[in-house]
Amino acid sequence: MLFFGASDFFSLVSYLLSGLITADAIKLSFLVGPVYGIGVWFGASLFGKASEALFRSICYALIAAAVIVGLPALDGVLRGR
């Protein structure tokens, strides 16, 4: 527990010093944070209700979607460049 607290502290300090944490980033976190929390709550409430086969299928589909979205060939399409 102490390790993670120290790691978070030093990460926060380095992010602040390098300019990664800005007012815009904080505003965005207040916008996205509740949506993330609702997603975590929804996922936790569904945990254990699906079969192992369904869970694996959903995970594989999410991984495949992440791979496809992350393809450099789709940068122009997905990012509007």
PDB file of N, CA and C in Angstrom:
ATOM      1  N   MET A   1       0.822  -1.182   0.000  1.00  0.00           N
ATOM      2  CA  MET A   1       0.000   0.000   0.000  1.00  0.00           C
ATOM      3  C   MET A   1       0.877   1.262   0.000  1.00  0.00           C
ATOM      4  N   LEU A   2       1.901   1.227   0.794  1.00  0.00           N
ATOM      5  CA  LEU A   2       2.804   2.377   0.859  1.00  0.00           C
ATOM      6  C   LEU A   2       3.499   2.598  -0.490  1.00  0.00           C
ATOM      7  N   PHE A   3       3.870   1.504  -1.142  1.00  0.00           N
ATOM      8  CA  PHE A   3       4.524   1.618  -2.446  1.00  0.00           C
ATOM      9  C   PHE A   3       3.630   2.337  -3.447  1.00  0.00           C
ATOM     10  N   PHE A   4       2.354   1.941  -3.520  1.00  0.00           N
ATOM     11  CA  PHE A   4       1.445   2.551  -4.476  1.00  0.00           C
ATOM     12  C   PHE A   4       1.179   4.019  -4.143  1.00  0.00           C
ATOM     13  N   GLY A   5       1.078   4.335  -2.874  1.00  0.00           N
ATOM     14  CA  GLY A   5       0.895   5.728  -2.476  1.00  0.00           C
ATOM     15  C   GLY A   5       2.091   6.581  -2.870  1.00  0.00           C
ATOM     16  N   ALA A   6       3.291   6.058  -2.624  1.00  0.00           N
ATOM     17  CA  ALA A   6       4.507   6.794  -2.994  1.00  0.00           C
ATOM     18  C   ALA A   6       4.611   6.912  -4.508  1.00  0.00           C
ATOM     19  N   SER A   7       4.286   5.846  -5.214  1.00  0.00           N
ATOM     20  CA  SER A   7       4.327   5.873  -6.672  1.00  0.00           C
ATOM     21  C   SER A   7       3.356   6.912  -7.226  1.00  0.00           C
ATOM     22  N   ASP A   8       2.146   6.948  -6.679  1.00  0.00           N
ATOM     23  CA  ASP A   8       1.167   7.949  -7.123  1.00  0.00           C
ATOM     24  C   ASP A   8       1.647   9.368  -6.836  1.00  0.00           C
ATOM     25  N   PHE A   9       2.225   9.563  -5.666  1.00  0.00           N
ATOM     26  CA  PHE A   9       2.706  10.890  -5.293  1.00  0.00           C
ATOM     27  C   PHE A   9       3.789  11.372  -6.257  1.00  0.00           C
ATOM     28  N   PHE A  10       4.784  10.520  -6.513  1.00  0.00           N
ATOM     29  CA  PHE A  10       5.876  10.927  -7.396  1.00  0.00           C
ATOM     30  C   PHE A  10       5.401  11.075  -8.842  1.00  0.00           C
ATOM     31  N   SER A  11       4.445  10.267  -9.250  1.00  0.00           N
ATOM     32  CA  SER A  11       3.872  10.441 -10.583  1.00  0.00           C
ATOM     33  C   SER A  11       3.171  11.786 -10.690  1.00  0.00           C
ATOM     34  N   LEU A  12       2.378  12.132  -9.685  1.00  0.00           N
ATOM     35  CA  LEU A  12       1.669  13.409  -9.688  1.00  0.00           C
ATOM     36  C   LEU A  12       2.649  14.572  -9.757  1.00  0.00           C
ATOM     37  N   VAL A  13       3.697  14.519  -8.959  1.00  0.00           N
ATOM     38  CA  VAL A  13       4.685  15.599  -8.963  1.00  0.00           C
ATOM     39  C   VAL A  13       5.351  15.715 -10.332  1.00  0.00           C
ATOM     40  N   SER A  14       5.732  14.582 -10.910  1.00  0.00           N
ATOM     41  CA  SER A  14       6.398  14.646 -12.220  1.00  0.00           C
ATOM     42  C   SER A  14       5.438  15.120 -13.311  1.00  0.00           C
ATOM     43  N   TYR A  15       4.161  14.734 -13.227  1.00  0.00           N
ATOM     44  CA  TYR A  15       3.182  15.211 -14.211  1.00  0.00           C
ATOM     45  C   TYR A  15       2.972  16.716 -14.081  1.00  0.00           C
ATOM     46  N   LEU A  16       2.923  17.203 -12.862  1.00  0.00           N
ATOM     47  CA  LEU A  16       2.760  18.640 -12.647  1.00  0.00           C
ATOM     48  C   LEU A  16       3.964  19.417 -13.174  1.00  0.00           C
ATOM     49  N   LEU A  17       5.155  18.929 -12.877  1.00  0.00           N
ATOM     50  CA  LEU A  17       6.359  19.624 -13.305  1.00  0.00           C
ATOM     51  C   LEU A  17       6.542  19.598 -14.819  1.00  0.00           C
ATOM     52  N   SER A  18       6.076  18.551 -15.470  1.00  0.00           N
ATOM     53  CA  SER A  18       6.241  18.465 -16.925  1.00  0.00           C
ATOM     54  C   SER A  18       5.096  19.113 -17.692  1.00  0.00           C
ATOM     55  N   GLY A  19       4.072  19.580 -16.975  1.00  0.00           N
ATOM     56  CA  GLY A  19       2.976  20.273 -17.629  1.00  0.00           C
ATOM     57  C   GLY A  19       1.899  19.365 -18.203  1.00  0.00           C
ATOM     58  N   LEU A  20       1.878  18.103 -17.797  1.00  0.00           N
ATOM     59  CA  LEU A  20       0.860  17.186 -18.303  1.00  0.00           C
ATOM     60  C   LEU A  20      -0.504  17.421 -17.671  1.00  0.00           C
ATOM     61  N   ILE A  21      -0.516  17.937 -16.459  1.00  0.00           N
ATOM     62  CA  ILE A  21      -1.788  18.226 -15.796  1.00  0.00           C
ATOM     63  C   ILE A  21      -2.084  19.706 -16.005  1.00  0.00           C
ATOM     64  N   THR A  22      -3.114  19.963 -16.805  1.00  0.00           N
ATOM     65  CA  THR A  22      -3.513  21.333 -17.115  1.00  0.00           C
ATOM     66  C   THR A  22      -4.966  21.531 -16.675  1.00  0.00           C
ATOM     67  N   ALA A  23      -5.429  22.747 -16.770  1.00  0.00           N
ATOM     68  CA  ALA A  23      -6.824  23.045 -16.423  1.00  0.00           C
ATOM     69  C   ALA A  23      -7.777  22.296 -17.351  1.00  0.00           C
ATOM     70  N   ASP A  24      -7.416  22.202 -18.632  1.00  0.00           N
ATOM     71  CA  ASP A  24      -8.259  21.462 -19.579  1.00  0.00           C
ATOM     72  C   ASP A  24      -8.326  19.983 -19.232  1.00  0.00           C
ATOM     73  N   ALA A  25      -7.197  19.410 -18.814  1.00  0.00           N
ATOM     74  CA  ALA A  25      -7.175  17.998 -18.437  1.00  0.00           C
ATOM     75  C   ALA A  25      -8.029  17.748 -17.197  1.00  0.00           C
ATOM     76  N   ILE A  26      -8.009  18.673 -16.264  1.00  0.00           N
ATOM     77  CA  ILE A  26      -8.823  18.529 -15.054  1.00  0.00           C
ATOM     78  C   ILE A  26     -10.301  18.659 -15.394  1.00  0.00           C
ATOM     79  N   LYS A  27     -10.648  19.592 -16.266  1.00  0.00           N
ATOM     80  CA  LYS A  27     -12.045  19.720 -16.697  1.00  0.00           C
ATOM     81  C   LYS A  27     -12.523  18.439 -17.381  1.00  0.00           C
ATOM     82  N   LEU A  28     -11.689  17.892 -18.239  1.00  0.00           N
ATOM     83  CA  LEU A  28     -12.038  16.658 -18.928  1.00  0.00           C
ATOM     84  C   LEU A  28     -12.208  15.504 -17.947  1.00  0.00           C
ATOM     85  N   SER A  29     -11.369  15.457 -16.928  1.00  0.00           N
ATOM     86  CA  SER A  29     -11.498  14.375 -15.942  1.00  0.00           C
ATOM     87  C   SER A  29     -12.797  14.489 -15.164  1.00  0.00           C
ATOM     88  N   PHE A  30     -13.250  15.698 -14.896  1.00  0.00           N
ATOM     89  CA  PHE A  30     -14.542  15.859 -14.214  1.00  0.00           C
ATOM     90  C   PHE A  30     -15.706  15.454 -15.116  1.00  0.00           C
ATOM     91  N   LEU A  31     -15.519  15.601 -16.415  1.00  0.00           N
ATOM     92  CA  LEU A  31     -16.552  15.190 -17.362  1.00  0.00           C
ATOM     93  C   LEU A  31     -16.561  13.674 -17.550  1.00  0.00           C
ATOM     94  N   VAL A  32     -15.392  13.078 -17.696  1.00  0.00           N
ATOM     95  CA  VAL A  32     -15.279  11.654 -18.006  1.00  0.00           C
ATOM     96  C   VAL A  32     -15.338  10.787 -16.751  1.00  0.00           C
ATOM     97  N   GLY A  33     -14.931  11.309 -15.627  1.00  0.00           N
ATOM     98  CA  GLY A  33     -14.883  10.531 -14.388  1.00  0.00           C
ATOM     99  C   GLY A  33     -16.192   9.865 -14.009  1.00  0.00           C
ATOM    100  N   PRO A  34     -17.300  10.595 -13.979  1.00  0.00           N
ATOM    101  CA  PRO A  34     -18.574   9.948 -13.636  1.00  0.00           C
ATOM    102  C   PRO A  34     -18.986   8.866 -14.633  1.00  0.00           C
ATOM    103  N   VAL A  35     -18.719   9.080 -15.907  1.00  0.00           N
ATOM    104  CA  VAL A  35     -19.040   8.061 -16.909  1.00  0.00           C
ATOM    105  C   VAL A  35     -18.206   6.809 -16.656  1.00  0.00           C
ATOM    106  N   TYR A  36     -16.946   6.990 -16.329  1.00  0.00           N
ATOM    107  CA  TYR A  36     -16.066   5.863 -16.005  1.00  0.00           C
ATOM    108  C   TYR A  36     -16.592   5.136 -14.771  1.00  0.00           C
ATOM    109  N   GLY A  37     -16.978   5.886 -13.756  1.00  0.00           N
ATOM    110  CA  GLY A  37     -17.506   5.277 -12.536  1.00  0.00           C
ATOM    111  C   GLY A  37     -18.773   4.474 -12.790  1.00  0.00           C
ATOM    112  N   ILE A  38     -19.656   4.992 -13.630  1.00  0.00           N
ATOM    113  CA  ILE A  38     -20.882   4.268 -13.974  1.00  0.00           C
ATOM    114  C   ILE A  38     -20.541   2.978 -14.715  1.00  0.00           C
ATOM    115  N   GLY A  39     -19.564   3.038 -15.603  1.00  0.00           N
ATOM    116  CA  GLY A  39     -19.139   1.839 -16.319  1.00  0.00           C
ATOM    117  C   GLY A  39     -18.558   0.780 -15.404  1.00  0.00           C
ATOM    118  N   VAL A  40     -17.757   1.212 -14.438  1.00  0.00           N
ATOM    119  CA  VAL A  40     -17.186   0.276 -13.471  1.00  0.00           C
ATOM    120  C   VAL A  40     -18.290  -0.341 -12.624  1.00  0.00           C
ATOM    121  N   TRP A  41     -19.230   0.480 -12.172  1.00  0.00           N
ATOM    122  CA  TRP A  41     -20.345  -0.041 -11.366  1.00  0.00           C
ATOM    123  C   TRP A  41     -21.175  -1.037 -12.164  1.00  0.00           C
ATOM    124  N   PHE A  42     -21.472  -0.693 -13.424  1.00  0.00           N
ATOM    125  CA  PHE A  42     -22.277  -1.573 -14.268  1.00  0.00           C
ATOM    126  C   PHE A  42     -21.563  -2.898 -14.512  1.00  0.00           C
ATOM    127  N   GLY A  43     -20.279  -2.834 -14.803  1.00  0.00           N
ATOM    128  CA  GLY A  43     -19.498  -4.052 -15.019  1.00  0.00           C
ATOM    129  C   GLY A  43     -19.426  -4.911 -13.770  1.00  0.00           C
ATOM    130  N   ALA A  44     -19.257  -4.276 -12.610  1.00  0.00           N
ATOM    131  CA  ALA A  44     -19.205  -5.033 -11.361  1.00  0.00           C
ATOM    132  C   ALA A  44     -20.542  -5.686 -11.050  1.00  0.00           C
ATOM    133  N   SER A  45     -21.633  -5.008 -11.400  1.00  0.00           N
ATOM    134  CA  SER A  45     -22.947  -5.586 -11.127  1.00  0.00           C
ATOM    135  C   SER A  45     -23.237  -6.777 -12.043  1.00  0.00           C
ATOM    136  N   LEU A  46     -22.640  -6.791 -13.217  1.00  0.00           N
ATOM    137  CA  LEU A  46     -22.832  -7.910 -14.140  1.00  0.00           C
ATOM    138  C   LEU A  46     -21.834  -9.042 -13.919  1.00  0.00           C
ATOM    139  N   PHE A  47     -20.817  -8.786 -13.118  1.00  0.00           N
ATOM    140  CA  PHE A  47     -19.782  -9.785 -12.892  1.00  0.00           C
ATOM    141  C   PHE A  47     -20.388 -11.039 -12.268  1.00  0.00           C
ATOM    142  N   GLY A  48     -20.091 -12.172 -12.834  1.00  0.00           N
ATOM    143  CA  GLY A  48     -20.598 -13.433 -12.314  1.00  0.00           C
ATOM    144  C   GLY A  48     -21.918 -13.868 -12.915  1.00  0.00           C
ATOM    145  N   LYS A  49     -22.565 -12.999 -13.673  1.00  0.00           N
ATOM    146  CA  LYS A  49     -23.857 -13.347 -14.271  1.00  0.00           C
ATOM    147  C   LYS A  49     -23.697 -13.955 -15.658  1.00  0.00           C
ATOM    148  N   ALA A  50     -22.550 -13.778 -16.274  1.00  0.00           N
ATOM    149  CA  ALA A  50     -22.310 -14.308 -17.612  1.00  0.00           C
ATOM    150  C   ALA A  50     -21.493 -15.596 -17.503  1.00  0.00           C
ATOM    151  N   SER A  51     -21.672 -16.449 -18.485  1.00  0.00           N
ATOM    152  CA  SER A  51     -20.891 -17.678 -18.518  1.00  0.00           C
ATOM    153  C   SER A  51     -19.443 -17.355 -18.900  1.00  0.00           C
ATOM    154  N   GLU A  52     -18.561 -18.305 -18.645  1.00  0.00           N
ATOM    155  CA  GLU A  52     -17.160 -18.090 -18.978  1.00  0.00           C
ATOM    156  C   GLU A  52     -16.975 -17.936 -20.481  1.00  0.00           C
ATOM    157  N   ALA A  53     -17.734 -18.685 -21.256  1.00  0.00           N
ATOM    158  CA  ALA A  53     -17.634 -18.598 -22.718  1.00  0.00           C
ATOM    159  C   ALA A  53     -18.071 -17.219 -23.218  1.00  0.00           C
ATOM    160  N   LEU A  54     -19.154 -16.685 -22.665  1.00  0.00           N
ATOM    161  CA  LEU A  54     -19.613 -15.353 -23.062  1.00  0.00           C
ATOM    162  C   LEU A  54     -18.593 -14.294 -22.664  1.00  0.00           C
ATOM    163  N   PHE A  55     -18.048 -14.428 -21.458  1.00  0.00           N
ATOM    164  CA  PHE A  55     -17.041 -13.478 -20.984  1.00  0.00           C
ATOM    165  C   PHE A  55     -15.830 -13.474 -21.921  1.00  0.00           C
ATOM    166  N   ARG A  56     -15.355 -14.657 -22.297  1.00  0.00           N
ATOM    167  CA  ARG A  56     -14.207 -14.737 -23.202  1.00  0.00           C
ATOM    168  C   ARG A  56     -14.535 -14.127 -24.565  1.00  0.00           C
ATOM    169  N   SER A  57     -15.735 -14.389 -25.065  1.00  0.00           N
ATOM    170  CA  SER A  57     -16.140 -13.829 -26.358  1.00  0.00           C
ATOM    171  C   SER A  57     -16.159 -12.304 -26.321  1.00  0.00           C
ATOM    172  N   ILE A  58     -16.687 -11.748 -25.250  1.00  0.00           N
ATOM    173  CA  ILE A  58     -16.727 -10.287 -25.105  1.00  0.00           C
ATOM    174  C   ILE A  58     -15.314  -9.721 -25.017  1.00  0.00           C
ATOM    175  N   CYS A  59     -14.444 -10.381 -24.256  1.00  0.00           N
ATOM    176  CA  CYS A  59     -13.056  -9.916 -24.135  1.00  0.00           C
ATOM    177  C   CYS A  59     -12.345  -9.961 -25.476  1.00  0.00           C
ATOM    178  N   TYR A  60     -12.521 -11.055 -26.215  1.00  0.00           N
ATOM    179  CA  TYR A  60     -11.880 -11.147 -27.529  1.00  0.00           C
ATOM    180  C   TYR A  60     -12.406 -10.073 -28.477  1.00  0.00           C
ATOM    181  N   ALA A  61     -13.692  -9.796 -28.423  1.00  0.00           N
ATOM    182  CA  ALA A  61     -14.268  -8.757 -29.277  1.00  0.00           C
ATOM    183  C   ALA A  61     -13.698  -7.382 -28.915  1.00  0.00           C
ATOM    184  N   LEU A  62     -13.565  -7.097 -27.625  1.00  0.00           N
ATOM    185  CA  LEU A  62     -12.995  -5.814 -27.201  1.00  0.00           C
ATOM    186  C   LEU A  62     -11.532  -5.693 -27.618  1.00  0.00           C
ATOM    187  N   ILE A  63     -10.780  -6.775 -27.475  1.00  0.00           N
ATOM    188  CA  ILE A  63      -9.376  -6.751 -27.885  1.00  0.00           C
ATOM    189  C   ILE A  63      -9.272  -6.540 -29.391  1.00  0.00           C
ATOM    190  N   ALA A  64     -10.107  -7.237 -30.159  1.00  0.00           N
ATOM    191  CA  ALA A  64     -10.087  -7.075 -31.617  1.00  0.00           C
ATOM    192  C   ALA A  64     -10.451  -5.647 -32.008  1.00  0.00           C
ATOM    193  N   ALA A  65     -11.444  -5.061 -31.341  1.00  0.00           N
ATOM    194  CA  ALA A  65     -11.829  -3.680 -31.632  1.00  0.00           C
ATOM    195  C   ALA A  65     -10.679  -2.721 -31.320  1.00  0.00           C
ATOM    196  N   ALA A  66      -9.979  -2.947 -30.209  1.00  0.00           N
ATOM    197  CA  ALA A  66      -8.849  -2.092 -29.855  1.00  0.00           C
ATOM    198  C   ALA A  66      -7.725  -2.210 -30.876  1.00  0.00           C
ATOM    199  N   VAL A  67      -7.491  -3.430 -31.364  1.00  0.00           N
ATOM    200  CA  VAL A  67      -6.450  -3.635 -32.381  1.00  0.00           C
ATOM    201  C   VAL A  67      -6.815  -2.904 -33.667  1.00  0.00           C
ATOM    202  N   ILE A  68      -8.066  -3.022 -34.088  1.00  0.00           N
ATOM    203  CA  ILE A  68      -8.493  -2.386 -35.340  1.00  0.00           C
ATOM    204  C   ILE A  68      -8.435  -0.864 -35.228  1.00  0.00           C
ATOM    205  N   VAL A  69      -8.911  -0.327 -34.120  1.00  0.00           N
ATOM    206  CA  VAL A  69      -8.887   1.130 -33.931  1.00  0.00           C
ATOM    207  C   VAL A  69      -7.456   1.637 -33.831  1.00  0.00           C
ATOM    208  N   GLY A  70      -6.548   0.816 -33.322  1.00  0.00           N
ATOM    209  CA  GLY A  70      -5.161   1.231 -33.151  1.00  0.00           C
ATOM    210  C   GLY A  70      -4.290   1.080 -34.382  1.00  0.00           C
ATOM    211  N   LEU A  71      -4.849   0.568 -35.472  1.00  0.00           N
ATOM    212  CA  LEU A  71      -4.053   0.395 -36.685  1.00  0.00           C
ATOM    213  C   LEU A  71      -3.637   1.749 -37.261  1.00  0.00           C
ATOM    214  N   PRO A  72      -2.356   1.922 -37.558  1.00  0.00           N
ATOM    215  CA  PRO A  72      -1.914   3.195 -38.143  1.00  0.00           C
ATOM    216  C   PRO A  72      -2.580   3.492 -39.487  1.00  0.00           C
ATOM    217  N   ALA A  73      -2.984   2.461 -40.203  1.00  0.00           N
ATOM    218  CA  ALA A  73      -3.622   2.675 -41.495  1.00  0.00           C
ATOM    219  C   ALA A  73      -4.959   3.394 -41.363  1.00  0.00           C
ATOM    220  N   LEU A  74      -5.559   3.342 -40.194  1.00  0.00           N
ATOM    221  CA  LEU A  74      -6.856   3.979 -39.980  1.00  0.00           C
ATOM    222  C   LEU A  74      -6.753   5.363 -39.340  1.00  0.00           C
ATOM    223  N   ASP A  75      -5.549   5.856 -39.149  1.00  0.00           N
ATOM    224  CA  ASP A  75      -5.385   7.170 -38.530  1.00  0.00           C
ATOM    225  C   ASP A  75      -6.137   8.261 -39.265  1.00  0.00           C
ATOM    226  N   GLY A  76      -6.027   8.263 -40.574  1.00  0.00           N
ATOM    227  CA  GLY A  76      -6.707   9.302 -41.365  1.00  0.00           C
ATOM    228  C   GLY A  76      -8.206   9.216 -41.271  1.00  0.00           C
ATOM    229  N   VAL A  77      -8.726   8.010 -41.163  1.00  0.00           N
ATOM    230  CA  VAL A  77     -10.175   7.814 -41.099  1.00  0.00           C
ATOM    231  C   VAL A  77     -10.720   8.166 -39.722  1.00  0.00           C
ATOM    232  N   LEU A  78     -10.062   7.661 -38.693  1.00  0.00           N
ATOM    233  CA  LEU A  78     -10.575   7.817 -37.333  1.00  0.00           C
ATOM    234  C   LEU A  78     -10.280   9.179 -36.729  1.00  0.00           C
ATOM    235  N   ARG A  79      -9.208   9.801 -37.164  1.00  0.00           N
ATOM    236  CA  ARG A  79      -8.829  11.093 -36.581  1.00  0.00           C
ATOM    237  C   ARG A  79      -9.103  12.252 -37.515  1.00  0.00           C
ATOM    238  N   GLY A  80      -9.661  11.984 -38.660  1.00  0.00           N
ATOM    239  CA  GLY A  80     -10.042  13.056 -39.583  1.00  0.00           C
ATOM    240  C   GLY A  80      -8.881  13.795 -40.209  1.00  0.00           C
ATOM    241  N   ARG A  81      -7.774  13.132 -40.414  1.00  0.00           N
ATOM    242  CA  ARG A  81      -6.602  13.797 -41.009  1.00  0.00           C
ATOM    243  C   ARG A  81      -6.587  13.613 -42.478  1.00  0.00           C
TER     244      ARG A  81
END
